[in-house]
N, C-alpha and C. Protein backbone atom coordinates (compact mmCIF):
# COMPACT_ATOMS: atom_id res chain seq x y z
N MET A 1 -116.10 76.05 -147.99
CA MET A 1 -116.63 74.71 -147.97
C MET A 1 -118.15 74.79 -147.83
N ALA A 2 -118.86 74.13 -148.71
CA ALA A 2 -120.32 74.10 -148.64
C ALA A 2 -120.78 72.84 -147.93
N ASP A 3 -121.82 72.98 -147.12
CA ASP A 3 -122.44 71.84 -146.46
C ASP A 3 -123.50 71.27 -147.38
N ARG A 4 -123.52 69.95 -147.52
CA ARG A 4 -124.48 69.29 -148.39
C ARG A 4 -125.25 68.24 -147.59
N HIS A 5 -126.55 68.43 -147.51
CA HIS A 5 -127.43 67.51 -146.78
C HIS A 5 -127.76 66.31 -147.67
N VAL A 6 -127.43 65.12 -147.22
CA VAL A 6 -127.69 63.89 -147.96
C VAL A 6 -129.02 63.31 -147.48
N THR A 7 -129.95 63.08 -148.41
CA THR A 7 -131.26 62.54 -148.05
C THR A 7 -131.51 61.17 -148.66
N TRP A 8 -130.79 60.82 -149.71
CA TRP A 8 -130.91 59.53 -150.38
C TRP A 8 -129.51 59.02 -150.69
N THR A 9 -129.39 57.72 -150.92
CA THR A 9 -128.11 57.14 -151.35
C THR A 9 -128.35 56.08 -152.41
N GLY A 10 -127.37 55.95 -153.30
CA GLY A 10 -127.35 54.85 -154.25
C GLY A 10 -126.46 53.76 -153.68
N LYS A 11 -126.85 52.51 -153.89
CA LYS A 11 -126.10 51.38 -153.34
C LYS A 11 -125.84 50.34 -154.42
N ASP A 12 -124.71 49.65 -154.31
CA ASP A 12 -124.44 48.56 -155.25
C ASP A 12 -125.11 47.28 -154.74
N ASP A 13 -124.94 46.18 -155.47
CA ASP A 13 -125.58 44.92 -155.09
C ASP A 13 -125.14 44.41 -153.73
N GLY A 14 -123.94 44.78 -153.30
CA GLY A 14 -123.43 44.36 -151.99
C GLY A 14 -123.79 45.32 -150.88
N GLY A 15 -124.51 46.38 -151.20
CA GLY A 15 -124.91 47.35 -150.19
C GLY A 15 -123.96 48.52 -150.02
N GLY A 16 -122.87 48.54 -150.79
CA GLY A 16 -121.91 49.64 -150.69
C GLY A 16 -122.50 50.92 -151.25
N ILE A 17 -122.17 52.04 -150.63
CA ILE A 17 -122.67 53.34 -151.07
C ILE A 17 -121.94 53.76 -152.34
N THR A 18 -122.70 54.02 -153.40
CA THR A 18 -122.12 54.43 -154.69
C THR A 18 -122.41 55.88 -155.01
N THR A 19 -123.49 56.44 -154.43
CA THR A 19 -123.93 57.79 -154.77
C THR A 19 -124.55 58.45 -153.55
N LEU A 20 -124.31 59.75 -153.38
CA LEU A 20 -125.00 60.56 -152.38
C LEU A 20 -125.95 61.48 -153.14
N CYS A 21 -127.18 61.64 -152.65
CA CYS A 21 -128.18 62.40 -153.39
C CYS A 21 -129.01 63.28 -152.47
N ASN A 22 -129.53 64.36 -153.07
CA ASN A 22 -130.56 65.19 -152.47
C ASN A 22 -131.28 65.86 -153.63
N PRO A 23 -132.47 65.34 -153.99
CA PRO A 23 -133.18 65.88 -155.15
C PRO A 23 -133.66 67.32 -154.97
N ASP A 24 -133.61 67.83 -153.75
CA ASP A 24 -134.05 69.20 -153.49
C ASP A 24 -132.92 70.22 -153.56
N GLU A 25 -131.71 69.77 -153.86
CA GLU A 25 -130.55 70.66 -153.92
C GLU A 25 -130.02 70.77 -155.35
N SER A 26 -129.31 71.84 -155.64
CA SER A 26 -128.78 72.05 -156.99
C SER A 26 -127.73 71.00 -157.37
N TRP A 27 -127.04 70.42 -156.39
CA TRP A 27 -126.02 69.42 -156.70
C TRP A 27 -126.64 68.05 -156.99
N LEU A 28 -127.88 67.80 -156.65
CA LEU A 28 -128.68 66.62 -156.95
C LEU A 28 -128.05 65.28 -156.58
N ARG A 29 -126.93 64.92 -157.22
CA ARG A 29 -126.26 63.65 -156.92
C ARG A 29 -124.77 63.76 -157.19
N VAL A 30 -124.01 62.99 -156.42
CA VAL A 30 -122.56 62.95 -156.60
C VAL A 30 -122.11 61.52 -156.32
N SER A 31 -121.15 61.04 -157.09
CA SER A 31 -120.67 59.67 -156.88
C SER A 31 -119.90 59.59 -155.56
N ALA A 32 -119.80 58.38 -155.03
CA ALA A 32 -119.04 58.19 -153.79
C ALA A 32 -117.60 58.62 -153.98
N ALA A 33 -117.01 58.31 -155.14
CA ALA A 33 -115.62 58.70 -155.41
C ALA A 33 -115.45 60.22 -155.37
N GLU A 34 -116.41 60.94 -155.98
CA GLU A 34 -116.36 62.41 -155.96
C GLU A 34 -116.53 62.93 -154.54
N ALA A 35 -117.46 62.35 -153.79
CA ALA A 35 -117.70 62.78 -152.41
C ALA A 35 -116.46 62.56 -151.56
N ILE A 36 -115.78 61.45 -151.76
CA ILE A 36 -114.55 61.17 -151.01
C ILE A 36 -113.51 62.25 -151.33
N GLU A 37 -113.37 62.60 -152.60
CA GLU A 37 -112.43 63.67 -152.99
C GLU A 37 -112.83 65.00 -152.36
N HIS A 38 -114.12 65.31 -152.37
CA HIS A 38 -114.61 66.57 -151.78
C HIS A 38 -114.32 66.63 -150.29
N ILE A 39 -114.60 65.54 -149.58
CA ILE A 39 -114.40 65.51 -148.13
C ILE A 39 -112.92 65.61 -147.79
N GLU A 40 -112.11 64.78 -148.44
CA GLU A 40 -110.68 64.78 -148.15
C GLU A 40 -110.00 66.09 -148.56
N GLY A 41 -110.51 66.73 -149.60
CA GLY A 41 -109.93 67.98 -150.08
C GLY A 41 -110.50 69.22 -149.40
N GLY A 42 -111.49 69.03 -148.50
CA GLY A 42 -112.09 70.15 -147.81
C GLY A 42 -112.96 71.02 -148.71
N VAL A 43 -113.44 70.44 -149.82
CA VAL A 43 -114.27 71.19 -150.77
C VAL A 43 -115.71 71.29 -150.27
N HIS A 44 -116.28 70.16 -149.84
CA HIS A 44 -117.64 70.11 -149.33
C HIS A 44 -117.69 69.21 -148.10
N ARG A 45 -118.68 69.48 -147.25
CA ARG A 45 -118.97 68.62 -146.11
C ARG A 45 -120.36 68.04 -146.38
N TYR A 46 -120.47 66.73 -146.31
CA TYR A 46 -121.75 66.04 -146.48
C TYR A 46 -122.23 65.60 -145.11
N TYR A 47 -123.54 65.63 -144.91
CA TYR A 47 -124.09 65.22 -143.62
C TYR A 47 -125.47 64.62 -143.79
N VAL A 48 -125.88 63.84 -142.78
CA VAL A 48 -127.24 63.30 -142.69
C VAL A 48 -127.87 63.87 -141.45
N ARG A 49 -129.20 63.90 -141.43
CA ARG A 49 -129.91 64.50 -140.30
C ARG A 49 -131.10 63.63 -139.94
N THR A 50 -131.31 63.45 -138.63
CA THR A 50 -132.51 62.82 -138.09
C THR A 50 -133.02 63.76 -137.01
N GLY A 51 -134.16 64.40 -137.27
CA GLY A 51 -134.67 65.39 -136.33
C GLY A 51 -133.66 66.50 -136.18
N SER A 52 -133.27 66.78 -134.94
CA SER A 52 -132.28 67.83 -134.70
C SER A 52 -130.85 67.29 -134.68
N LYS A 53 -130.69 65.99 -134.78
CA LYS A 53 -129.35 65.37 -134.76
C LYS A 53 -128.76 65.38 -136.17
N LYS A 54 -127.50 65.68 -136.23
CA LYS A 54 -126.79 65.81 -137.51
C LYS A 54 -125.46 65.08 -137.39
N ALA A 55 -125.10 64.33 -138.42
CA ALA A 55 -123.81 63.62 -138.42
C ALA A 55 -123.13 63.83 -139.76
N ASP A 56 -121.85 64.10 -139.72
CA ASP A 56 -121.07 64.23 -140.93
C ASP A 56 -120.93 62.87 -141.60
N VAL A 57 -120.83 62.89 -142.92
CA VAL A 57 -120.44 61.71 -143.67
C VAL A 57 -118.91 61.73 -143.67
N VAL A 58 -118.32 60.62 -143.27
CA VAL A 58 -116.86 60.55 -143.15
C VAL A 58 -116.31 59.49 -144.10
N VAL A 59 -115.03 59.63 -144.41
CA VAL A 59 -114.34 58.65 -145.26
C VAL A 59 -113.66 57.66 -144.33
N VAL A 60 -113.89 56.38 -144.60
CA VAL A 60 -113.28 55.31 -143.82
C VAL A 60 -112.40 54.51 -144.76
N GLU A 61 -111.17 54.27 -144.33
CA GLU A 61 -110.26 53.48 -145.17
C GLU A 61 -110.08 52.11 -144.54
N GLU A 62 -110.36 51.09 -145.32
CA GLU A 62 -110.23 49.70 -144.89
C GLU A 62 -109.40 48.96 -145.93
N PRO A 63 -109.03 47.72 -145.66
CA PRO A 63 -108.21 46.99 -146.64
C PRO A 63 -108.82 46.94 -148.04
N ALA A 64 -110.14 46.93 -148.13
CA ALA A 64 -110.80 46.88 -149.44
C ALA A 64 -110.85 48.25 -150.12
N GLY A 65 -110.45 49.29 -149.43
CA GLY A 65 -110.46 50.63 -150.01
C GLY A 65 -111.24 51.62 -149.17
N LYS A 66 -111.41 52.81 -149.71
CA LYS A 66 -112.12 53.88 -149.00
C LYS A 66 -113.61 53.78 -149.27
N HIS A 67 -114.40 54.08 -148.24
CA HIS A 67 -115.84 54.15 -148.42
C HIS A 67 -116.41 55.21 -147.49
N LEU A 68 -117.70 55.48 -147.65
CA LEU A 68 -118.37 56.53 -146.89
C LEU A 68 -119.24 55.93 -145.80
N ARG A 69 -119.32 56.66 -144.68
CA ARG A 69 -120.13 56.23 -143.55
C ARG A 69 -120.56 57.47 -142.78
N ALA A 70 -121.75 57.41 -142.19
CA ALA A 70 -122.16 58.48 -141.27
C ALA A 70 -121.29 58.36 -140.03
N ASP A 71 -120.88 59.47 -139.47
CA ASP A 71 -120.00 59.49 -138.30
C ASP A 71 -120.56 58.56 -137.23
N PRO A 72 -119.85 57.48 -136.91
CA PRO A 72 -120.36 56.50 -135.95
C PRO A 72 -120.51 57.03 -134.52
N SER A 73 -119.92 58.17 -134.22
CA SER A 73 -120.06 58.73 -132.87
C SER A 73 -121.44 59.35 -132.67
N ARG A 74 -122.20 59.50 -133.75
CA ARG A 74 -123.56 60.05 -133.69
C ARG A 74 -124.56 58.91 -133.89
N ALA A 75 -124.62 57.99 -132.93
CA ALA A 75 -125.38 56.75 -133.07
C ALA A 75 -126.86 56.95 -133.37
N SER A 76 -127.45 58.06 -132.97
CA SER A 76 -128.88 58.25 -133.18
C SER A 76 -129.22 58.76 -134.58
N VAL A 77 -128.21 59.00 -135.39
CA VAL A 77 -128.43 59.50 -136.74
C VAL A 77 -128.46 58.33 -137.71
N GLU A 78 -129.35 58.42 -138.70
CA GLU A 78 -129.50 57.34 -139.68
C GLU A 78 -128.18 56.96 -140.33
N ASP A 79 -128.04 55.68 -140.56
CA ASP A 79 -126.92 55.17 -141.32
C ASP A 79 -127.17 55.46 -142.80
N LEU A 80 -126.15 55.65 -143.57
CA LEU A 80 -126.31 55.92 -145.00
C LEU A 80 -127.08 54.80 -145.71
N HIS A 81 -126.91 53.57 -145.24
CA HIS A 81 -127.58 52.43 -145.86
C HIS A 81 -129.09 52.44 -145.64
N GLU A 82 -129.56 53.16 -144.61
CA GLU A 82 -130.97 53.21 -144.29
C GLU A 82 -131.74 54.27 -145.08
N LEU A 83 -131.02 55.14 -145.77
CA LEU A 83 -131.67 56.19 -146.56
C LEU A 83 -132.31 55.59 -147.81
N PRO A 84 -133.36 56.22 -148.34
CA PRO A 84 -134.00 55.72 -149.57
C PRO A 84 -133.00 55.71 -150.73
N ASP A 85 -133.28 54.86 -151.70
CA ASP A 85 -132.43 54.76 -152.88
C ASP A 85 -132.66 55.94 -153.84
N CYS A 86 -131.56 56.39 -154.44
CA CYS A 86 -131.69 57.44 -155.46
C CYS A 86 -131.30 56.92 -156.81
């Protein structure tokens, strides 16, 4: 399993995360659907970082479907919605 540092995100008009990005990495960008498959399948781990704090990107299932979120137990780490747009 490779760790992938997320530095930017793509968002839809409603603010939902559509893409995870890091222009400094070889993987560059991945759709939210692909990231969900990677996380659930144990293929890759995505994370965000603020200073020395690091939080995994996790899959959350709600009535409207699955979406991505930074681990809420790491409150001091940036939310995915706060990252610059890619």
